[in-house]
Amino acid sequence: MVQQFTARLDVSFAALSDPTRRGVLEHLGRGEASITDLAERFGMTLTGMKKHVTLLEEAGLVTTRKVGRVRLCRLQDGGLEAEAAWIERYRQRWALRFDALDEIVEDLKQKGDLNGRQE
């Protein structure tokens, strides 16, 4: 289970590491778009955009459906929830550490020991 979760995060963060794919997600946040529209918007070939969309699909961030000859893309519902939760856990840990550091600095200031000087 943990390995599957870690593997999913690896795939998701790898997909998010590319600025074009992040741009595609941002664009799809405004609504559905065809691969052709996305390719034109990002100045890419259809083949190149299809590769980006496939990686986003594999990461569970985007879904596609075929309507006639057109493949439409949209954001996957809840696509970034696991990633956001993972980031939030680490954000909380760091916040606690910085709060503890702030307390130490304040204690040192009150004692007048900051930089070895009496204030």
PDB file of N, CA and C in Angstrom:
ATOM      1  N   MET A   1       0.826  -1.193   0.000  1.00  0.00           N
ATOM      2  CA  MET A   1       0.000   0.000   0.000  1.00  0.00           C
ATOM      3  C   MET A   1       0.870   1.258   0.000  1.00  0.00           C
ATOM      4  N   VAL A   2       1.858   1.308   0.911  1.00  0.00           N
ATOM      5  CA  VAL A   2       2.744   2.464   0.986  1.00  0.00           C
ATOM      6  C   VAL A   2       3.542   2.598  -0.299  1.00  0.00           C
ATOM      7  N   GLN A   3       3.987   1.462  -0.840  1.00  0.00           N
ATOM      8  CA  GLN A   3       4.749   1.503  -2.084  1.00  0.00           C
ATOM      9  C   GLN A   3       3.897   2.006  -3.234  1.00  0.00           C
ATOM     10  N   GLN A   4       2.624   1.617  -3.277  1.00  0.00           N
ATOM     11  CA  GLN A   4       1.735   2.097  -4.327  1.00  0.00           C
ATOM     12  C   GLN A   4       1.528   3.602  -4.201  1.00  0.00           C
ATOM     13  N   PHE A   5       1.338   4.079  -2.964  1.00  0.00           N
ATOM     14  CA  PHE A   5       1.147   5.508  -2.734  1.00  0.00           C
ATOM     15  C   PHE A   5       2.393   6.273  -3.149  1.00  0.00           C
ATOM     16  N   THR A   6       3.561   5.768  -2.766  1.00  0.00           N
ATOM     17  CA  THR A   6       4.823   6.413  -3.119  1.00  0.00           C
ATOM     18  C   THR A   6       5.012   6.419  -4.629  1.00  0.00           C
ATOM     19  N   ALA A   7       4.698   5.321  -5.281  1.00  0.00           N
ATOM     20  CA  ALA A   7       4.822   5.252  -6.738  1.00  0.00           C
ATOM     21  C   ALA A   7       3.898   6.262  -7.405  1.00  0.00           C
ATOM     22  N   ARG A   8       2.695   6.402  -6.866  1.00  0.00           N
ATOM     23  CA  ARG A   8       1.756   7.381  -7.436  1.00  0.00           C
ATOM     24  C   ARG A   8       2.303   8.799  -7.281  1.00  0.00           C
ATOM     25  N   LEU A   9       2.841   9.107  -6.099  1.00  0.00           N
ATOM     26  CA  LEU A   9       3.425  10.429  -5.897  1.00  0.00           C
ATOM     27  C   LEU A   9       4.591  10.664  -6.846  1.00  0.00           C
ATOM     28  N   ASP A  10       5.412   9.640  -7.048  1.00  0.00           N
ATOM     29  CA  ASP A  10       6.543   9.765  -7.978  1.00  0.00           C
ATOM     30  C   ASP A  10       6.057  10.130  -9.374  1.00  0.00           C
ATOM     31  N   VAL A  11       5.021   9.435  -9.828  1.00  0.00           N
ATOM     32  CA  VAL A  11       4.472   9.692 -11.170  1.00  0.00           C
ATOM     33  C   VAL A  11       3.864  11.093 -11.227  1.00  0.00           C
ATOM     34  N   SER A  12       3.120  11.460 -10.194  1.00  0.00           N
ATOM     35  CA  SER A  12       2.472  12.777 -10.160  1.00  0.00           C
ATOM     36  C   SER A  12       3.491  13.907 -10.174  1.00  0.00           C
ATOM     37  N   PHE A  13       4.481  13.813  -9.278  1.00  0.00           N
ATOM     38  CA  PHE A  13       5.457  14.889  -9.206  1.00  0.00           C
ATOM     39  C   PHE A  13       6.332  14.935 -10.461  1.00  0.00           C
ATOM     40  N   ALA A  14       6.594  13.792 -11.071  1.00  0.00           N
ATOM     41  CA  ALA A  14       7.326  13.792 -12.344  1.00  0.00           C
ATOM     42  C   ALA A  14       6.504  14.504 -13.417  1.00  0.00           C
ATOM     43  N   ALA A  15       5.207  14.238 -13.438  1.00  0.00           N
ATOM     44  CA  ALA A  15       4.335  14.906 -14.420  1.00  0.00           C
ATOM     45  C   ALA A  15       4.301  16.407 -14.155  1.00  0.00           C
ATOM     46  N   LEU A  16       4.276  16.800 -12.893  1.00  0.00           N
ATOM     47  CA  LEU A  16       4.214  18.218 -12.534  1.00  0.00           C
ATOM     48  C   LEU A  16       5.549  18.941 -12.715  1.00  0.00           C
ATOM     49  N   SER A  17       6.620  18.199 -12.916  1.00  0.00           N
ATOM     50  CA  SER A  17       7.946  18.820 -13.031  1.00  0.00           C
ATOM     51  C   SER A  17       8.132  19.573 -14.347  1.00  0.00           C
ATOM     52  N   ASP A  18       7.265  19.318 -15.315  1.00  0.00           N
ATOM     53  CA  ASP A  18       7.402  19.947 -16.627  1.00  0.00           C
ATOM     54  C   ASP A  18       6.513  21.191 -16.722  1.00  0.00           C
ATOM     55  N   PRO A  19       7.078  22.336 -17.137  1.00  0.00           N
ATOM     56  CA  PRO A  19       6.273  23.558 -17.204  1.00  0.00           C
ATOM     57  C   PRO A  19       5.120  23.484 -18.210  1.00  0.00           C
ATOM     58  N   THR A  20       5.301  22.747 -19.301  1.00  0.00           N
ATOM     59  CA  THR A  20       4.214  22.608 -20.267  1.00  0.00           C
ATOM     60  C   THR A  20       3.045  21.854 -19.640  1.00  0.00           C
ATOM     61  N   ARG A  21       3.334  20.780 -18.936  1.00  0.00           N
ATOM     62  CA  ARG A  21       2.254  20.012 -18.306  1.00  0.00           C
ATOM     63  C   ARG A  21       1.556  20.820 -17.215  1.00  0.00           C
ATOM     64  N   ARG A  22       2.332  21.622 -16.468  1.00  0.00           N
ATOM     65  CA  ARG A  22       1.681  22.492 -15.481  1.00  0.00           C
ATOM     66  C   ARG A  22       0.793  23.512 -16.183  1.00  0.00           C
ATOM     67  N   GLY A  23       1.247  24.014 -17.328  1.00  0.00           N
ATOM     68  CA  GLY A  23       0.438  24.948 -18.108  1.00  0.00           C
ATOM     69  C   GLY A  23      -0.833  24.303 -18.626  1.00  0.00           C
ATOM     70  N   VAL A  24      -0.732  23.052 -19.047  1.00  0.00           N
ATOM     71  CA  VAL A  24      -1.914  22.316 -19.509  1.00  0.00           C
ATOM     72  C   VAL A  24      -2.915  22.185 -18.365  1.00  0.00           C
ATOM     73  N   LEU A  25      -2.443  21.835 -17.186  1.00  0.00           N
ATOM     74  CA  LEU A  25      -3.341  21.717 -16.036  1.00  0.00           C
ATOM     75  C   LEU A  25      -4.008  23.052 -15.724  1.00  0.00           C
ATOM     76  N   GLU A  26      -3.233  24.112 -15.781  1.00  0.00           N
ATOM     77  CA  GLU A  26      -3.791  25.440 -15.520  1.00  0.00           C
ATOM     78  C   GLU A  26      -4.868  25.779 -16.555  1.00  0.00           C
ATOM     79  N   HIS A  27      -4.578  25.495 -17.812  1.00  0.00           N
ATOM     80  CA  HIS A  27      -5.542  25.763 -18.880  1.00  0.00           C
ATOM     81  C   HIS A  27      -6.805  24.919 -18.701  1.00  0.00           C
ATOM     82  N   LEU A  28      -6.637  23.652 -18.375  1.00  0.00           N
ATOM     83  CA  LEU A  28      -7.794  22.773 -18.185  1.00  0.00           C
ATOM     84  C   LEU A  28      -8.593  23.149 -16.942  1.00  0.00           C
ATOM     85  N   GLY A  29      -7.978  23.875 -16.024  1.00  0.00           N
ATOM     86  CA  GLY A  29      -8.698  24.372 -14.861  1.00  0.00           C
ATOM     87  C   GLY A  29      -9.799  25.345 -15.236  1.00  0.00           C
ATOM     88  N   ARG A  30      -9.696  25.907 -16.428  1.00  0.00           N
ATOM     89  CA  ARG A  30     -10.716  26.834 -16.925  1.00  0.00           C
ATOM     90  C   ARG A  30     -11.794  26.117 -17.714  1.00  0.00           C
ATOM     91  N   GLY A  31     -11.536  24.853 -18.072  1.00  0.00           N
ATOM     92  CA  GLY A  31     -12.529  24.098 -18.825  1.00  0.00           C
ATOM     93  C   GLY A  31     -11.890  23.082 -19.748  1.00  0.00           C
ATOM     94  N   GLU A  32     -12.725  22.249 -20.307  1.00  0.00           N
ATOM     95  CA  GLU A  32     -12.309  21.178 -21.203  1.00  0.00           C
ATOM     96  C   GLU A  32     -11.644  21.756 -22.456  1.00  0.00           C
ATOM     97  N   ALA A  33     -10.704  21.003 -23.025  1.00  0.00           N
ATOM     98  CA  ALA A  33     -10.039  21.424 -24.264  1.00  0.00           C
ATOM     99  C   ALA A  33      -9.623  20.186 -25.042  1.00  0.00           C
ATOM    100  N   SER A  34      -9.572  20.333 -26.346  1.00  0.00           N
ATOM    101  CA  SER A  34      -9.114  19.223 -27.185  1.00  0.00           C
ATOM    102  C   SER A  34      -7.590  19.214 -27.219  1.00  0.00           C
ATOM    103  N   ILE A  35      -7.041  18.079 -27.577  1.00  0.00           N
ATOM    104  CA  ILE A  35      -5.582  17.990 -27.703  1.00  0.00           C
ATOM    105  C   ILE A  35      -5.114  18.943 -28.790  1.00  0.00           C
ATOM    106  N   THR A  36      -5.893  19.107 -29.843  1.00  0.00           N
ATOM    107  CA  THR A  36      -5.551  20.047 -30.916  1.00  0.00           C
ATOM    108  C   THR A  36      -5.472  21.468 -30.372  1.00  0.00           C
ATOM    109  N   ASP A  37      -6.468  21.873 -29.590  1.00  0.00           N
ATOM    110  CA  ASP A  37      -6.457  23.213 -28.993  1.00  0.00           C
ATOM    111  C   ASP A  37      -5.242  23.402 -28.091  1.00  0.00           C
ATOM    112  N   LEU A  38      -4.949  22.392 -27.280  1.00  0.00           N
ATOM    113  CA  LEU A  38      -3.797  22.481 -26.381  1.00  0.00           C
ATOM    114  C   LEU A  38      -2.492  22.581 -27.161  1.00  0.00           C
ATOM    115  N   ALA A  39      -2.379  21.781 -28.217  1.00  0.00           N
ATOM    116  CA  ALA A  39      -1.160  21.809 -29.037  1.00  0.00           C
ATOM    117  C   ALA A  39      -0.964  23.195 -29.650  1.00  0.00           C
ATOM    118  N   GLU A  40      -2.030  23.780 -30.167  1.00  0.00           N
ATOM    119  CA  GLU A  40      -1.934  25.121 -30.754  1.00  0.00           C
ATOM    120  C   GLU A  40      -1.558  26.151 -29.693  1.00  0.00           C
ATOM    121  N   ARG A  41      -2.197  26.060 -28.550  1.00  0.00           N
ATOM    122  CA  ARG A  41      -1.946  27.025 -27.471  1.00  0.00           C
ATOM    123  C   ARG A  41      -0.490  27.001 -27.019  1.00  0.00           C
ATOM    124  N   PHE A  42       0.109  25.818 -26.983  1.00  0.00           N
ATOM    125  CA  PHE A  42       1.480  25.679 -26.492  1.00  0.00           C
ATOM    126  C   PHE A  42       2.505  25.571 -27.622  1.00  0.00           C
ATOM    127  N   GLY A  43       2.060  25.772 -28.861  1.00  0.00           N
ATOM    128  CA  GLY A  43       2.981  25.762 -29.994  1.00  0.00           C
ATOM    129  C   GLY A  43       3.688  24.435 -30.185  1.00  0.00           C
ATOM    130  N   MET A  44       2.928  23.356 -30.065  1.00  0.00           N
ATOM    131  CA  MET A  44       3.504  22.017 -30.161  1.00  0.00           C
ATOM    132  C   MET A  44       2.813  21.225 -31.264  1.00  0.00           C
ATOM    133  N   THR A  45       3.433  20.121 -31.615  1.00  0.00           N
ATOM    134  CA  THR A  45       2.789  19.186 -32.529  1.00  0.00           C
ATOM    135  C   THR A  45       1.724  18.404 -31.768  1.00  0.00           C
ATOM    136  N   LEU A  46       0.807  17.815 -32.517  1.00  0.00           N
ATOM    137  CA  LEU A  46      -0.212  16.972 -31.884  1.00  0.00           C
ATOM    138  C   LEU A  46       0.435  15.797 -31.154  1.00  0.00           C
ATOM    139  N   THR A  47       1.450  15.212 -31.774  1.00  0.00           N
ATOM    140  CA  THR A  47       2.142  14.080 -31.168  1.00  0.00           C
ATOM    141  C   THR A  47       2.800  14.482 -29.849  1.00  0.00           C
ATOM    142  N   GLY A  48       3.451  15.628 -29.837  1.00  0.00           N
ATOM    143  CA  GLY A  48       4.098  16.106 -28.617  1.00  0.00           C
ATOM    144  C   GLY A  48       3.090  16.361 -27.505  1.00  0.00           C
ATOM    145  N   MET A  49       1.974  16.989 -27.850  1.00  0.00           N
ATOM    146  CA  MET A  49       0.959  17.268 -26.834  1.00  0.00           C
ATOM    147  C   MET A  49       0.317  15.988 -26.353  1.00  0.00           C
ATOM    148  N   LYS A  50       0.097  15.030 -27.254  1.00  0.00           N
ATOM    149  CA  LYS A  50      -0.493  13.750 -26.854  1.00  0.00           C
ATOM    150  C   LYS A  50       0.397  13.064 -25.813  1.00  0.00           C
ATOM    151  N   LYS A  51       1.714  13.163 -25.978  1.00  0.00           N
ATOM    152  CA  LYS A  51       2.638  12.572 -25.003  1.00  0.00           C
ATOM    153  C   LYS A  51       2.492  13.242 -23.640  1.00  0.00           C
ATOM    154  N   HIS A  52       2.379  14.564 -23.635  1.00  0.00           N
ATOM    155  CA  HIS A  52       2.188  15.278 -22.371  1.00  0.00           C
ATOM    156  C   HIS A  52       0.874  14.867 -21.707  1.00  0.00           C
ATOM    157  N   VAL A  53      -0.191  14.807 -22.498  1.00  0.00           N
ATOM    158  CA  VAL A  53      -1.502  14.449 -21.957  1.00  0.00           C
ATOM    159  C   VAL A  53      -1.488  13.015 -21.429  1.00  0.00           C
ATOM    160  N   THR A  54      -0.817  12.123 -22.133  1.00  0.00           N
ATOM    161  CA  THR A  54      -0.723  10.729 -21.682  1.00  0.00           C
ATOM    162  C   THR A  54      -0.043  10.645 -20.317  1.00  0.00           C
ATOM    163  N   LEU A  55       1.035  11.404 -20.119  1.00  0.00           N
ATOM    164  CA  LEU A  55       1.712  11.414 -18.820  1.00  0.00           C
ATOM    165  C   LEU A  55       0.800  11.970 -17.728  1.00  0.00           C
ATOM    166  N   LEU A  56       0.039  12.998 -18.058  1.00  0.00           N
ATOM    167  CA  LEU A  56      -0.899  13.557 -17.084  1.00  0.00           C
ATOM    168  C   LEU A  56      -2.013  12.565 -16.763  1.00  0.00           C
ATOM    169  N   GLU A  57      -2.443  11.803 -17.760  1.00  0.00           N
ATOM    170  CA  GLU A  57      -3.452  10.757 -17.526  1.00  0.00           C
ATOM    171  C   GLU A  57      -2.894   9.662 -16.623  1.00  0.00           C
ATOM    172  N   GLU A  58      -1.669   9.219 -16.914  1.00  0.00           N
ATOM    173  CA  GLU A  58      -1.043   8.169 -16.111  1.00  0.00           C
ATOM    174  C   GLU A  58      -0.869   8.607 -14.661  1.00  0.00           C
ATOM    175  N   ALA A  59      -0.692   9.905 -14.452  1.00  0.00           N
ATOM    176  CA  ALA A  59      -0.544  10.442 -13.098  1.00  0.00           C
ATOM    177  C   ALA A  59      -1.893  10.644 -12.410  1.00  0.00           C
ATOM    178  N   GLY A  60      -2.972  10.416 -13.145  1.00  0.00           N
ATOM    179  CA  GLY A  60      -4.300  10.581 -12.568  1.00  0.00           C
ATOM    180  C   GLY A  60      -4.730  12.030 -12.431  1.00  0.00           C
ATOM    181  N   LEU A  61      -4.126  12.908 -13.219  1.00  0.00           N
ATOM    182  CA  LEU A  61      -4.426  14.331 -13.130  1.00  0.00           C
ATOM    183  C   LEU A  61      -5.402  14.803 -14.204  1.00  0.00           C
ATOM    184  N   VAL A  62      -5.470  14.056 -15.291  1.00  0.00           N
ATOM    185  CA  VAL A  62      -6.302  14.433 -16.439  1.00  0.00           C
ATOM    186  C   VAL A  62      -7.037  13.198 -16.936  1.00  0.00           C
ATOM    187  N   THR A  63      -8.233  13.405 -17.450  1.00  0.00           N
ATOM    188  CA  THR A  63      -8.959  12.339 -18.148  1.00  0.00           C
ATOM    189  C   THR A  63      -9.251  12.818 -19.562  1.00  0.00           C
ATOM    190  N   THR A  64      -9.371  11.869 -20.462  1.00  0.00           N
ATOM    191  CA  THR A  64      -9.726  12.208 -21.834  1.00  0.00           C
ATOM    192  C   THR A  64     -10.903  11.349 -22.270  1.00  0.00           C
ATOM    193  N   ARG A  65     -11.609  11.879 -23.245  1.00  0.00           N
ATOM    194  CA  ARG A  65     -12.700  11.115 -23.852  1.00  0.00           C
ATOM    195  C   ARG A  65     -12.744  11.485 -25.320  1.00  0.00           C
ATOM    196  N   LYS A  66     -13.133  10.522 -26.117  1.00  0.00           N
ATOM    197  CA  LYS A  66     -13.188  10.742 -27.550  1.00  0.00           C
ATOM    198  C   LYS A  66     -14.614  11.091 -27.954  1.00  0.00           C
ATOM    199  N   VAL A  67     -14.751  12.185 -28.672  1.00  0.00           N
ATOM    200  CA  VAL A  67     -16.033  12.622 -29.209  1.00  0.00           C
ATOM    201  C   VAL A  67     -15.839  12.743 -30.716  1.00  0.00           C
ATOM    202  N   GLY A  68     -16.323  11.747 -31.440  1.00  0.00           N
ATOM    203  CA  GLY A  68     -16.067  11.713 -32.881  1.00  0.00           C
ATOM    204  C   GLY A  68     -14.587  11.515 -33.129  1.00  0.00           C
ATOM    205  N   ARG A  69     -13.998  12.463 -33.827  1.00  0.00           N
ATOM    206  CA  ARG A  69     -12.568  12.390 -34.141  1.00  0.00           C
ATOM    207  C   ARG A  69     -11.731  13.243 -33.194  1.00  0.00           C
ATOM    208  N   VAL A  70     -12.358  13.830 -32.206  1.00  0.00           N
ATOM    209  CA  VAL A  70     -11.676  14.759 -31.303  1.00  0.00           C
ATOM    210  C   VAL A  70     -11.509  14.115 -29.930  1.00  0.00           C
ATOM    211  N   ARG A  71     -10.309  14.252 -29.377  1.00  0.00           N
ATOM    212  CA  ARG A  71     -10.062  13.777 -28.008  1.00  0.00           C
ATOM    213  C   ARG A  71     -10.084  14.997 -27.090  1.00  0.00           C
ATOM    214  N   LEU A  72     -11.067  15.007 -26.171  1.00  0.00           N
ATOM    215  CA  LEU A  72     -11.222  16.103 -25.223  1.00  0.00           C
ATOM    216  C   LEU A  72     -10.562  15.754 -23.900  1.00  0.00           C
ATOM    217  N   CYS A  73      -9.944  16.750 -23.303  1.00  0.00           N
ATOM    218  CA  CYS A  73      -9.228  16.582 -22.033  1.00  0.00           C
ATOM    219  C   CYS A  73      -9.895  17.440 -20.972  1.00  0.00           C
ATOM    220  N   ARG A  74      -9.887  16.918 -19.755  1.00  0.00           N
ATOM    221  CA  ARG A  74     -10.361  17.706 -18.607  1.00  0.00           C
ATOM    222  C   ARG A  74      -9.607  17.255 -17.377  1.00  0.00           C
ATOM    223  N   LEU A  75      -9.655  18.105 -16.350  1.00  0.00           N
ATOM    224  CA  LEU A  75      -9.011  17.747 -15.091  1.00  0.00           C
ATOM    225  C   LEU A  75      -9.730  16.566 -14.460  1.00  0.00           C
ATOM    226  N   GLN A  76      -8.960  15.692 -13.855  1.00  0.00           N
ATOM    227  CA  GLN A  76      -9.514  14.561 -13.110  1.00  0.00           C
ATOM    228  C   GLN A  76     -10.033  15.085 -11.778  1.00  0.00           C
ATOM    229  N   ASP A  77     -11.243  14.729 -11.411  1.00  0.00           N
ATOM    230  CA  ASP A  77     -11.787  15.139 -10.116  1.00  0.00           C
ATOM    231  C   ASP A  77     -10.887  14.632  -8.991  1.00  0.00           C
ATOM    232  N   GLY A  78     -10.514  15.523  -8.099  1.00  0.00           N
ATOM    233  CA  GLY A  78      -9.680  15.139  -6.955  1.00  0.00           C
ATOM    234  C   GLY A  78      -8.279  14.734  -7.341  1.00  0.00           C
ATOM    235  N   GLY A  79      -7.827  15.151  -8.506  1.00  0.00           N
ATOM    236  CA  GLY A  79      -6.541  14.710  -9.037  1.00  0.00           C
ATOM    237  C   GLY A  79      -5.328  15.038  -8.196  1.00  0.00           C
ATOM    238  N   LEU A  80      -5.348  16.117  -7.456  1.00  0.00           N
ATOM    239  CA  LEU A  80      -4.178  16.514  -6.677  1.00  0.00           C
ATOM    240  C   LEU A  80      -4.384  16.385  -5.174  1.00  0.00           C
ATOM    241  N   GLU A  81      -5.438  15.732  -4.747  1.00  0.00           N
ATOM    242  CA  GLU A  81      -5.716  15.631  -3.317  1.00  0.00           C
ATOM    243  C   GLU A  81      -4.620  14.888  -2.554  1.00  0.00           C
ATOM    244  N   ALA A  82      -4.161  13.775  -3.062  1.00  0.00           N
ATOM    245  CA  ALA A  82      -3.120  13.002  -2.373  1.00  0.00           C
ATOM    246  C   ALA A  82      -1.812  13.790  -2.315  1.00  0.00           C
ATOM    247  N   GLU A  83      -1.497  14.461  -3.406  1.00  0.00           N
ATOM    248  CA  GLU A  83      -0.266  15.245  -3.461  1.00  0.00           C
ATOM    249  C   GLU A  83      -0.343  16.433  -2.504  1.00  0.00           C
ATOM    250  N   ALA A  84      -1.491  17.106  -2.469  1.00  0.00           N
ATOM    251  CA  ALA A  84      -1.680  18.243  -1.558  1.00  0.00           C
ATOM    252  C   ALA A  84      -1.601  17.791  -0.100  1.00  0.00           C
ATOM    253  N   ALA A  85      -2.164  16.641   0.202  1.00  0.00           N
ATOM    254  CA  ALA A  85      -2.118  16.124   1.575  1.00  0.00           C
ATOM    255  C   ALA A  85      -0.681  15.802   1.973  1.00  0.00           C
ATOM    256  N   TRP A  86       0.087  15.225   1.064  1.00  0.00           N
ATOM    257  CA  TRP A  86       1.486  14.899   1.336  1.00  0.00           C
ATOM    258  C   TRP A  86       2.280  16.179   1.607  1.00  0.00           C
ATOM    259  N   ILE A  87       2.082  17.181   0.768  1.00  0.00           N
ATOM    260  CA  ILE A  87       2.775  18.458   0.935  1.00  0.00           C
ATOM    261  C   ILE A  87       2.368  19.109   2.252  1.00  0.00           C
ATOM    262  N   GLU A  88       1.086  19.056   2.579  1.00  0.00           N
ATOM    263  CA  GLU A  88       0.588  19.677   3.809  1.00  0.00           C
ATOM    264  C   GLU A  88       1.215  19.053   5.049  1.00  0.00           C
ATOM    265  N   ARG A  89       1.411  17.736   5.047  1.00  0.00           N
ATOM    266  CA  ARG A  89       2.058  17.089   6.195  1.00  0.00           C
ATOM    267  C   ARG A  89       3.458  17.663   6.419  1.00  0.00           C
ATOM    268  N   TYR A  90       4.214  17.833   5.345  1.00  0.00           N
ATOM    269  CA  TYR A  90       5.561  18.366   5.476  1.00  0.00           C
ATOM    270  C   TYR A  90       5.545  19.850   5.799  1.00  0.00           C
ATOM    271  N   ARG A  91       4.566  20.590   5.275  1.00  0.00           N
ATOM    272  CA  ARG A  91       4.446  22.006   5.600  1.00  0.00           C
ATOM    273  C   ARG A  91       4.208  22.174   7.095  1.00  0.00           C
ATOM    274  N   GLN A  92       3.357  21.326   7.671  1.00  0.00           N
ATOM    275  CA  GLN A  92       3.075  21.392   9.107  1.00  0.00           C
ATOM    276  C   GLN A  92       4.321  21.070   9.928  1.00  0.00           C
ATOM    277  N   ARG A  93       5.071  20.076   9.504  1.00  0.00           N
ATOM    278  CA  ARG A  93       6.306  19.727  10.229  1.00  0.00           C
ATOM    279  C   ARG A  93       7.273  20.899  10.242  1.00  0.00           C
ATOM    280  N   TRP A  94       7.453  21.522   9.069  1.00  0.00           N
ATOM    281  CA  TRP A  94       8.374  22.650   8.989  1.00  0.00           C
ATOM    282  C   TRP A  94       7.860  23.843   9.774  1.00  0.00           C
ATOM    283  N   ALA A  95       6.558  24.065   9.771  1.00  0.00           N
ATOM    284  CA  ALA A  95       5.984  25.170  10.545  1.00  0.00           C
ATOM    285  C   ALA A  95       6.274  24.974  12.031  1.00  0.00           C
ATOM    286  N   LEU A  96       6.120  23.750  12.526  1.00  0.00           N
ATOM    287  CA  LEU A  96       6.422  23.469  13.931  1.00  0.00           C
ATOM    288  C   LEU A  96       7.898  23.715  14.238  1.00  0.00           C
ATOM    289  N   ARG A  97       8.759  23.320  13.334  1.00  0.00           N
ATOM    290  CA  ARG A  97      10.197  23.516  13.548  1.00  0.00           C
ATOM    291  C   ARG A  97      10.553  25.002  13.564  1.00  0.00           C
ATOM    292  N   PHE A  98       9.971  25.766  12.651  1.00  0.00           N
ATOM    293  CA  PHE A  98      10.244  27.202  12.630  1.00  0.00           C
ATOM    294  C   PHE A  98       9.671  27.898  13.856  1.00  0.00           C
ATOM    295  N   ASP A  99       8.510  27.445  14.313  1.00  0.00           N
ATOM    296  CA  ASP A  99       7.944  28.009  15.543  1.00  0.00           C
ATOM    297  C   ASP A  99       8.878  27.755  16.728  1.00  0.00           C
ATOM    298  N   ALA A 100       9.420  26.551  16.813  1.00  0.00           N
ATOM    299  CA  ALA A 100      10.350  26.228  17.892  1.00  0.00           C
ATOM    300  C   ALA A 100      11.614  27.086  17.792  1.00  0.00           C
ATOM    301  N   LEU A 101      12.095  27.298  16.583  1.00  0.00           N
ATOM    302  CA  LEU A 101      13.273  28.140  16.383  1.00  0.00           C
ATOM    303  C   LEU A 101      12.973  29.586  16.785  1.00  0.00           C
ATOM    304  N   ASP A 102      11.795  30.078  16.434  1.00  0.00           N
ATOM    305  CA  ASP A 102      11.394  31.428  16.841  1.00  0.00           C
ATOM    306  C   ASP A 102      11.412  31.574  18.361  1.00  0.00           C
ATOM    307  N   GLU A 103      10.943  30.551  19.071  1.00  0.00           N
ATOM    308  CA  GLU A 103      10.941  30.591  20.536  1.00  0.00           C
ATOM    309  C   GLU A 103      12.363  30.668  21.087  1.00  0.00           C
ATOM    310  N   ILE A 104      13.258  29.922  20.496  1.00  0.00           N
ATOM    311  CA  ILE A 104      14.659  29.941  20.940  1.00  0.00           C
ATOM    312  C   ILE A 104      15.259  31.325  20.722  1.00  0.00           C
ATOM    313  N   VAL A 105      15.005  31.897  19.553  1.00  0.00           N
ATOM    314  CA  VAL A 105      15.541  33.227  19.253  1.00  0.00           C
ATOM    315  C   VAL A 105      14.970  34.260  20.217  1.00  0.00           C
ATOM    316  N   GLU A 106      13.693  34.187  20.493  1.00  0.00           N
ATOM    317  CA  GLU A 106      13.070  35.124  21.434  1.00  0.00           C
ATOM    318  C   GLU A 106      13.656  34.971  22.832  1.00  0.00           C
ATOM    319  N   ASP A 107      13.870  33.736  23.268  1.00  0.00           N
ATOM    320  CA  ASP A 107      14.488  33.498  24.579  1.00  0.00           C
ATOM    321  C   ASP A 107      15.872  34.122  24.643  1.00  0.00           C
ATOM    322  N   LEU A 108      16.647  33.960  23.584  1.00  0.00           N
ATOM    323  CA  LEU A 108      17.995  34.532  23.548  1.00  0.00           C
ATOM    324  C   LEU A 108      17.946  36.048  23.573  1.00  0.00           C
ATOM    325  N   LYS A 109      16.996  36.622  22.857  1.00  0.00           N
ATOM    326  CA  LYS A 109      16.859  38.085  22.862  1.00  0.00           C
ATOM    327  C   LYS A 109      16.513  38.579  24.252  1.00  0.00           C
ATOM    328  N   GLN A 110      15.603  37.901  24.920  1.00  0.00           N
ATOM    329  CA  GLN A 110      15.196  38.317  26.263  1.00  0.00           C
ATOM    330  C   GLN A 110      16.336  38.208  27.261  1.00  0.00           C
ATOM    331  N   LYS A 111      17.182  37.228  27.078  1.00  0.00           N
ATOM    332  CA  LYS A 111      18.313  37.054  27.988  1.00  0.00           C
ATOM    333  C   LYS A 111      19.458  37.996  27.637  1.00  0.00           C
ATOM    334  N   GLY A 112      19.375  38.620  26.465  1.00  0.00           N
ATOM    335  CA  GLY A 112      20.433  39.534  26.052  1.00  0.00           C
ATOM    336  C   GLY A 112      21.677  38.820  25.585  1.00  0.00           C
ATOM    337  N   ASP A 113      21.546  37.544  25.248  1.00  0.00           N
ATOM    338  CA  ASP A 113      22.700  36.764  24.837  1.00  0.00           C
ATOM    339  C   ASP A 113      22.873  36.685  23.330  1.00  0.00           C
ATOM    340  N   LEU A 114      22.050  37.367  22.588  1.00  0.00           N
ATOM    341  CA  LEU A 114      22.155  37.303  21.140  1.00  0.00           C
ATOM    342  C   LEU A 114      23.459  37.957  20.714  1.00  0.00           C
ATOM    343  N   ASN A 115      24.254  37.282  19.965  1.00  0.00           N
ATOM    344  CA  ASN A 115      25.560  37.736  19.487  1.00  0.00           C
ATOM    345  C   ASN A 115      26.535  38.068  20.628  1.00  0.00           C
ATOM    346  N   GLY A 116      26.297  37.455  21.790  1.00  0.00           N
ATOM    347  CA  GLY A 116      27.221  37.636  22.900  1.00  0.00           C
ATOM    348  C   GLY A 116      27.173  38.998  23.540  1.00  0.00           C
ATOM    349  N   ARG A 117      26.136  39.784  23.297  1.00  0.00           N
ATOM    350  CA  ARG A 117      26.033  41.139  23.866  1.00  0.00           C
ATOM    351  C   ARG A 117      24.912  41.211  24.883  1.00  0.00           C
ATOM    352  N   GLN A 118      25.092  42.102  25.825  1.00  0.00           N
ATOM    353  CA  GLN A 118      24.011  42.450  26.738  1.00  0.00           C
ATOM    354  C   GLN A 118      23.276  43.629  26.138  1.00  0.00           C
ATOM    355  N   GLU A 119      21.964  43.566  26.152  1.00  0.00           N
ATOM    356  CA  GLU A 119      21.206  44.689  25.582  1.00  0.00           C
ATOM    357  C   GLU A 119      20.724  45.607  26.654  1.00  0.00           C
TER     358      GLU A 119
END
